[in-house]
Every structure is written in structure tokens, then in C-alpha cells.
Amino acid sequence: MSKREDYPAGVPCWVTNLAPDVRAAMDFYGELFGWTFDYDAEVDFAVARLRGREVAGIGSLAKAGPDVQAAWVTDVRVESADDAAEQGPAAGGRLLVSPMDFPPAGRLTVLADPAGAVVCAWEAGTRKGAQVVNEAGAWSMSALQTPDPEGAAAFYHALFGWGRDAFGDMTMFRRPGYVGGEPEQPVPRDVVAAMGPPARGPAAWVVDFWTDDAEAAAATADRNGGRVVADLEDMGPFRRANLADPAGATFTVSQLVLDRVR
């Protein structure tokens, strides 16, 4: 379990589900992860809570633009959303949404990397980021799937200062000087995100949540209108399920299997 109060610049800090029906998404994820919600009908946005602490957002797809599909998106903390909006295109990406205010929570801009993966730059106001991570029902890490790993590495280094190291067939993105995660984790504590082997499909960031039981999570998703995208798989010490919610937004859940850690 990790409680967080703040995130330095260059570190992923928050995840949001863009949904065509925010209340329906609240029902689905509340059942799946045990979340409760603070819902603001005026802006059609819900803040998910676990044990009373903020863990994720659910926002209206209609307000995200006509070309945006249901998805989980990842925010990376920045000092200035306006600077990120200029730096992203200069680094080979595209500006999708100009900086906009969400008072008093913060200021946001939306970018696409050179292969098209969407990432948000978040200038924090009162909302610094997820207050609980790395426990059942909470966000763990976001991983990039892309057909252009080299282009992605150059883009995220220019925009967020990320370095990279090989970790098996994965790449670990690192933010030098950052200390996060847990002391016992198998990767350095300055790791902020991951990138898989070259992907054949479209580039995208995949959001991963921890669970106590991957098979039960898959069954719950299926029972409540979601679906299992691929068979459950074992990846190192984790049992992982690839899932989609009823609107088609994909994500993964990972169960730490202690017998494989020993």
C-alpha cells in the first residue's frame, strides 16, 4: 500500500476514464474495485475514492471532443500545462486539446506522442494526484504499447525528462531523482512507467490496477457488461487480466501472486 500526498514534475499522477455515461461507469467500477464517488453533476465528473482517498476520475466523453473514444487516460504532472502544450509538438507529438482550467483542481492539456498515444499533462492546483496507489482497487502503473519505441523514448525524454532501462522484454521509464514505489519492489524506485515490446496495433497507454483476485475481477467485469479481452496470463509475479468496460475502454488488473515472489 502506498499513500501519496504529492507528485514531482515528470511523474504520472492520475488516471481518468472517459465514458459516454459517467453514472453507468460509476456503477461498473464501483462494483469492480469497491470505489465510492464524489459526483459533480454540473461538470458531469466523478472522483473515485478508496478508503476515503482519491484514486481516479471518471469524466464525460462528450466533453473530450468528437474524435475521442472511450478510454483510460494517464496524466503526468508538469510545472506548466502551457509549456507542455508547446513542448509536445516541438518534440514530434501533436497538441490535441489546448490548456484548460479545472478550478480549483488544476490545469490540463492533452497531447499525442509521435505514434498517436494520448497522454495528458497536469498542472496541479488542489488535486495533486492519486492519494492511494499499489493496492487492491488502486492504480498501479501505466504502460505504453507502441509500434515506435525509439520515437516514444525520445518524445517522453524531451517532454518529461524520462530515461529508460531494459527490463526483460520491457522498457522501464525512469525519472532520475524520483523516489516512489515500495522499497521491496523488483525495479528501481525512480521507475515511473513501462513500455512493452514493439506493438502491431495502435499506440496507446494501458492503465493497470491491482486486485486481490484477477479471475474474480474478470468474472465481475463480464457479469456487469464488460468483457475479458484476452485470456488471463502470468507475467513474472503477477496474474494479469486484460479487460474492457461496457463502453469499450480497456485496462488491466494485476494480482501479485506471493508464491512466485518467494
Protein backbone atom coordinates (compact mmCIF):
# COMPACT_ATOMS: atom_id res chain seq x y z
CA MET A 1 0.00 0.00 0.00
CA SER A 2 1.26 3.50 -0.85
CA LYS A 3 -0.31 6.75 0.23
CA ARG A 4 0.68 9.78 -1.79
CA GLU A 5 0.30 13.46 -0.98
CA ASP A 6 2.14 15.00 -3.94
CA TYR A 7 3.98 14.18 -7.18
CA PRO A 8 7.00 15.97 -8.63
CA ALA A 9 7.06 17.17 -12.23
CA GLY A 10 7.61 14.39 -14.75
CA VAL A 11 5.83 11.70 -12.71
CA PRO A 12 2.47 10.14 -13.74
CA CYS A 13 -0.01 11.26 -11.12
CA TRP A 14 -3.62 10.47 -12.09
CA VAL A 15 -5.84 8.37 -14.37
CA THR A 16 -9.27 9.22 -15.79
CA ASN A 17 -11.87 7.07 -17.50
CA LEU A 18 -13.59 8.91 -20.37
CA ALA A 19 -17.09 7.44 -20.55
CA PRO A 20 -20.22 8.12 -22.63
CA ASP A 21 -22.30 7.65 -19.48
CA VAL A 22 -20.49 8.70 -16.30
CA ARG A 23 -23.10 7.26 -13.94
CA ALA A 24 -23.05 3.87 -15.71
CA ALA A 25 -19.25 3.83 -15.46
CA MET A 26 -19.53 4.63 -11.75
CA ASP A 27 -21.76 1.58 -11.29
CA PHE A 28 -19.34 -0.67 -13.18
CA TYR A 29 -16.14 0.42 -11.46
CA GLY A 30 -17.76 0.75 -8.06
CA GLU A 31 -18.69 -2.93 -8.25
CA LEU A 32 -15.33 -3.95 -9.68
CA PHE A 33 -12.98 -2.04 -7.37
CA GLY A 34 -15.11 -1.13 -4.37
CA TRP A 35 -14.92 2.58 -5.17
CA THR A 36 -17.18 5.27 -3.78
CA PHE A 37 -17.66 8.53 -5.65
CA ASP A 38 -17.99 12.27 -5.35
CA TYR A 39 -20.09 13.21 -8.37
CA ASP A 40 -20.44 16.76 -9.69
CA ALA A 41 -23.49 16.88 -11.95
CA GLU A 42 -22.68 20.37 -13.18
CA VAL A 43 -19.49 19.21 -14.92
CA ASP A 44 -20.51 15.52 -15.20
CA PHE A 45 -17.34 14.33 -13.45
CA ALA A 46 -16.83 11.83 -10.65
CA VAL A 47 -13.86 11.42 -8.35
CA ALA A 48 -13.41 7.80 -7.25
CA ARG A 49 -12.35 7.12 -3.68
CA LEU A 50 -10.87 4.10 -1.93
CA ARG A 51 -10.91 4.19 1.85
CA GLY A 52 -11.95 7.81 1.52
CA ARG A 53 -8.91 8.84 -0.53
CA GLU A 54 -8.94 9.95 -4.17
CA VAL A 55 -7.76 7.29 -6.64
CA ALA A 56 -9.11 8.09 -10.14
CA GLY A 57 -11.58 10.14 -12.15
CA ILE A 58 -14.49 9.40 -14.46
CA GLY A 59 -15.31 12.13 -16.96
CA SER A 60 -17.75 12.72 -19.78
CA LEU A 61 -16.62 11.52 -23.19
CA ALA A 62 -18.83 14.13 -24.83
CA LYS A 63 -16.71 16.91 -23.33
CA ALA A 64 -13.45 15.39 -24.57
CA GLY A 65 -14.08 16.11 -28.25
CA PRO A 66 -15.82 14.40 -31.20
CA ASP A 67 -12.84 12.23 -32.19
CA VAL A 68 -12.12 10.80 -28.73
CA GLN A 69 -13.23 7.26 -27.90
CA ALA A 70 -13.97 5.72 -24.51
CA ALA A 71 -10.62 5.11 -22.84
CA TRP A 72 -8.49 5.34 -19.72
CA VAL A 73 -6.04 8.23 -19.95
CA THR A 74 -2.97 8.99 -17.85
CA ASP A 75 -1.94 12.38 -16.50
CA VAL A 76 1.71 13.31 -15.96
CA ARG A 77 2.50 16.11 -13.51
CA VAL A 78 4.09 19.22 -15.04
CA GLU A 79 5.02 22.64 -13.74
CA SER A 80 3.17 24.34 -16.60
CA ALA A 81 0.47 22.93 -18.87
CA ASP A 82 1.08 25.81 -21.25
CA ASP A 83 4.77 24.94 -21.57
CA ALA A 84 3.88 21.27 -22.15
CA ALA A 85 1.45 22.32 -24.91
CA GLU A 86 4.37 24.00 -26.70
CA GLN A 87 7.00 21.36 -25.95
CA GLY A 88 4.91 18.36 -27.08
CA PRO A 89 4.66 19.38 -30.77
CA ALA A 90 8.29 20.56 -30.71
CA ALA A 91 9.28 17.04 -29.62
CA GLY A 92 7.38 15.40 -32.50
CA GLY A 93 3.95 14.97 -30.94
CA ARG A 94 0.62 16.74 -31.51
CA LEU A 95 -1.47 19.08 -29.41
CA LEU A 96 -4.96 17.57 -29.12
CA VAL A 97 -6.53 19.87 -26.53
CA SER A 98 -5.17 23.30 -25.63
CA PRO A 99 -4.58 24.03 -21.93
CA MET A 100 -7.80 24.44 -19.99
CA ASP A 101 -8.63 25.13 -16.37
CA PHE A 102 -10.50 22.84 -13.98
CA PRO A 103 -10.73 25.12 -10.96
CA PRO A 104 -9.67 24.61 -8.30
CA ALA A 105 -8.25 21.17 -9.15
CA GLY A 106 -5.70 22.22 -11.78
CA ARG A 107 -4.95 22.90 -15.43
CA LEU A 108 -4.71 20.29 -18.20
CA THR A 109 -3.51 19.90 -21.75
CA VAL A 110 -3.84 16.78 -23.93
CA LEU A 111 -1.11 15.58 -26.29
CA ALA A 112 -0.42 12.69 -28.63
CA ASP A 113 3.06 11.22 -28.92
CA PRO A 114 4.63 10.63 -32.38
CA ALA A 115 2.78 7.32 -32.83
CA GLY A 116 -0.55 8.69 -31.58
CA ALA A 117 -0.69 7.52 -27.94
CA VAL A 118 -2.66 10.06 -25.89
CA VAL A 119 -1.16 11.48 -22.70
CA CYS A 120 -2.26 14.39 -20.51
CA ALA A 121 -0.04 16.99 -18.85
CA TRP A 122 -1.43 18.08 -15.48
CA GLU A 123 -0.53 21.32 -13.71
CA ALA A 124 -1.80 20.70 -10.21
CA GLY A 125 -3.95 23.02 -8.18
CA THR A 126 -5.75 21.40 -5.25
CA ARG A 127 -5.62 17.94 -6.85
CA LYS A 128 -2.03 16.74 -6.69
CA GLY A 129 -2.79 13.23 -7.92
CA ALA A 130 -3.93 9.79 -6.78
CA GLN A 131 -3.77 9.58 -3.00
CA VAL A 132 -3.54 5.77 -2.89
CA VAL A 133 -1.63 3.54 -5.31
CA ASN A 134 -0.27 -0.01 -5.39
CA GLU A 135 -3.03 -1.76 -3.50
CA ALA A 136 -6.13 -3.72 -4.48
CA GLY A 137 -8.58 -1.39 -6.19
CA ALA A 138 -5.99 1.29 -6.87
CA TRP A 139 -3.93 2.30 -9.87
CA SER A 140 -0.51 0.70 -10.07
CA MET A 141 1.24 1.83 -13.26
CA SER A 142 0.59 2.85 -16.85
CA ALA A 143 2.35 1.03 -19.69
CA LEU A 144 2.85 2.21 -23.25
CA GLN A 145 2.14 -0.05 -26.21
CA THR A 146 3.62 1.41 -29.38
CA PRO A 147 4.96 0.37 -32.79
CA ASP A 148 7.67 3.05 -32.41
CA PRO A 149 9.60 2.55 -29.13
CA GLU A 150 12.51 4.72 -30.24
CA GLY A 151 10.30 7.64 -31.20
CA ALA A 152 8.37 7.28 -27.94
CA ALA A 153 11.54 7.22 -25.83
CA ALA A 154 12.81 10.40 -27.47
CA PHE A 155 9.44 12.16 -27.07
CA TYR A 156 8.96 11.36 -23.39
CA HIS A 157 12.56 12.21 -22.60
CA ALA A 158 12.13 15.64 -24.21
CA LEU A 159 8.75 16.31 -22.62
CA PHE A 160 9.08 14.77 -19.14
CA GLY A 161 12.79 14.04 -18.69
CA TRP A 162 12.35 10.26 -18.68
CA GLY A 163 15.31 7.94 -19.10
CA ARG A 164 14.95 4.25 -19.90
CA ASP A 165 16.37 0.85 -19.00
CA ALA A 166 15.70 -2.61 -20.41
CA PHE A 167 13.88 -4.99 -18.05
CA GLY A 168 13.48 -8.33 -19.81
CA ASP A 169 11.44 -7.64 -22.93
CA MET A 170 10.04 -4.48 -21.33
CA THR A 171 11.44 -0.98 -21.08
CA MET A 172 11.28 0.85 -17.77
CA PHE A 173 10.89 4.63 -17.99
CA ARG A 174 12.80 6.32 -15.17
CA ARG A 175 12.65 9.84 -13.74
CA PRO A 176 16.12 10.49 -12.24
CA GLY A 177 15.94 11.70 -8.66
CA TYR A 178 12.41 10.48 -8.04
CA VAL A 179 11.80 8.03 -5.19
CA GLY A 180 8.45 6.26 -5.43
CA GLY A 181 7.03 2.75 -5.29
CA GLU A 182 7.97 0.47 -2.42
CA PRO A 183 11.40 -0.50 -1.02
CA GLU A 184 10.83 -4.19 -1.79
CA GLN A 185 9.81 -3.75 -5.44
CA PRO A 186 11.93 -5.54 -8.09
CA VAL A 187 12.59 -2.42 -10.20
CA PRO A 188 14.36 0.83 -9.22
CA ARG A 189 12.20 3.25 -7.28
CA ASP A 190 12.64 6.01 -9.86
CA VAL A 191 10.68 3.93 -12.41
CA VAL A 192 7.57 5.91 -13.36
CA ALA A 193 6.10 3.94 -16.29
CA ALA A 194 6.74 1.00 -18.58
CA MET A 195 6.83 0.29 -22.31
CA GLY A 196 6.22 -3.10 -23.89
CA PRO A 197 7.90 -4.68 -26.90
CA PRO A 198 7.06 -3.12 -30.29
CA ALA A 199 3.30 -3.40 -30.77
CA ARG A 200 1.49 -4.22 -34.00
CA GLY A 201 -1.63 -2.27 -33.17
CA PRO A 202 -2.24 1.43 -32.49
CA ALA A 203 -0.12 3.18 -29.88
CA ALA A 204 -1.85 3.56 -26.52
CA TRP A 205 -1.23 3.90 -22.82
CA VAL A 206 -2.70 0.99 -20.85
CA VAL A 207 -3.71 1.65 -17.25
CA ASP A 208 -3.15 -1.17 -14.74
CA PHE A 209 -4.92 -1.62 -11.40
CA TRP A 210 -4.04 -4.03 -8.62
CA THR A 211 -6.51 -6.68 -7.49
CA ASP A 212 -6.59 -9.42 -4.88
CA ASP A 213 -8.05 -11.90 -7.39
CA ALA A 214 -7.62 -11.47 -11.15
CA GLU A 215 -10.04 -14.27 -12.03
CA ALA A 216 -12.75 -12.86 -9.78
CA ALA A 217 -12.19 -9.39 -11.27
CA ALA A 218 -12.58 -10.79 -14.78
CA ALA A 219 -15.79 -12.54 -13.79
CA THR A 220 -17.15 -9.38 -12.17
CA ALA A 221 -16.38 -7.32 -15.26
CA ASP A 222 -18.07 -9.87 -17.52
CA ARG A 223 -21.12 -10.10 -15.27
CA ASN A 224 -21.60 -6.34 -15.30
CA GLY A 225 -21.46 -5.73 -19.04
CA GLY A 226 -17.71 -5.59 -19.59
CA ARG A 227 -15.64 -8.28 -21.22
CA VAL A 228 -12.39 -10.19 -20.97
CA VAL A 229 -10.23 -9.02 -23.89
CA ALA A 230 -7.64 -11.79 -23.64
CA ASP A 231 -7.08 -14.92 -21.58
CA LEU A 232 -5.60 -14.40 -18.15
CA GLU A 233 -1.80 -14.58 -18.27
CA ASP A 234 1.07 -15.00 -15.84
CA MET A 235 3.73 -12.29 -16.06
CA GLY A 236 6.53 -12.73 -13.52
CA PRO A 237 4.98 -12.48 -10.04
CA PHE A 238 1.64 -11.25 -11.43
CA ARG A 239 -1.53 -12.87 -12.69
CA ARG A 240 -3.00 -10.38 -15.16
CA ALA A 241 -6.38 -9.94 -16.83
CA ASN A 242 -6.96 -7.69 -19.85
CA LEU A 243 -10.47 -6.23 -19.56
CA ALA A 244 -12.83 -3.77 -21.19
CA ASP A 245 -15.67 -1.87 -19.55
CA PRO A 246 -19.18 -1.72 -21.10
CA ALA A 247 -18.22 1.33 -23.18
CA GLY A 248 -15.13 -0.42 -24.59
CA ALA A 249 -12.41 1.32 -22.54
CA THR A 250 -9.63 -1.23 -21.98
CA PHE A 251 -7.47 -1.65 -18.89
CA THR A 252 -5.66 -4.39 -16.99
CA VAL A 253 -5.85 -5.77 -13.46
CA SER A 254 -2.87 -7.46 -11.83
CA GLN A 255 -2.78 -9.84 -8.89
CA LEU A 256 0.50 -10.23 -7.02
CA VAL A 257 0.99 -13.97 -6.54
CA LEU A 258 3.08 -14.28 -3.42
CA ASP A 259 4.19 -17.86 -4.13
CA ARG A 260 6.06 -16.55 -7.16
CA VAL A 261 7.78 -13.81 -5.16
CA ARG A 262 9.45 -16.15 -2.70
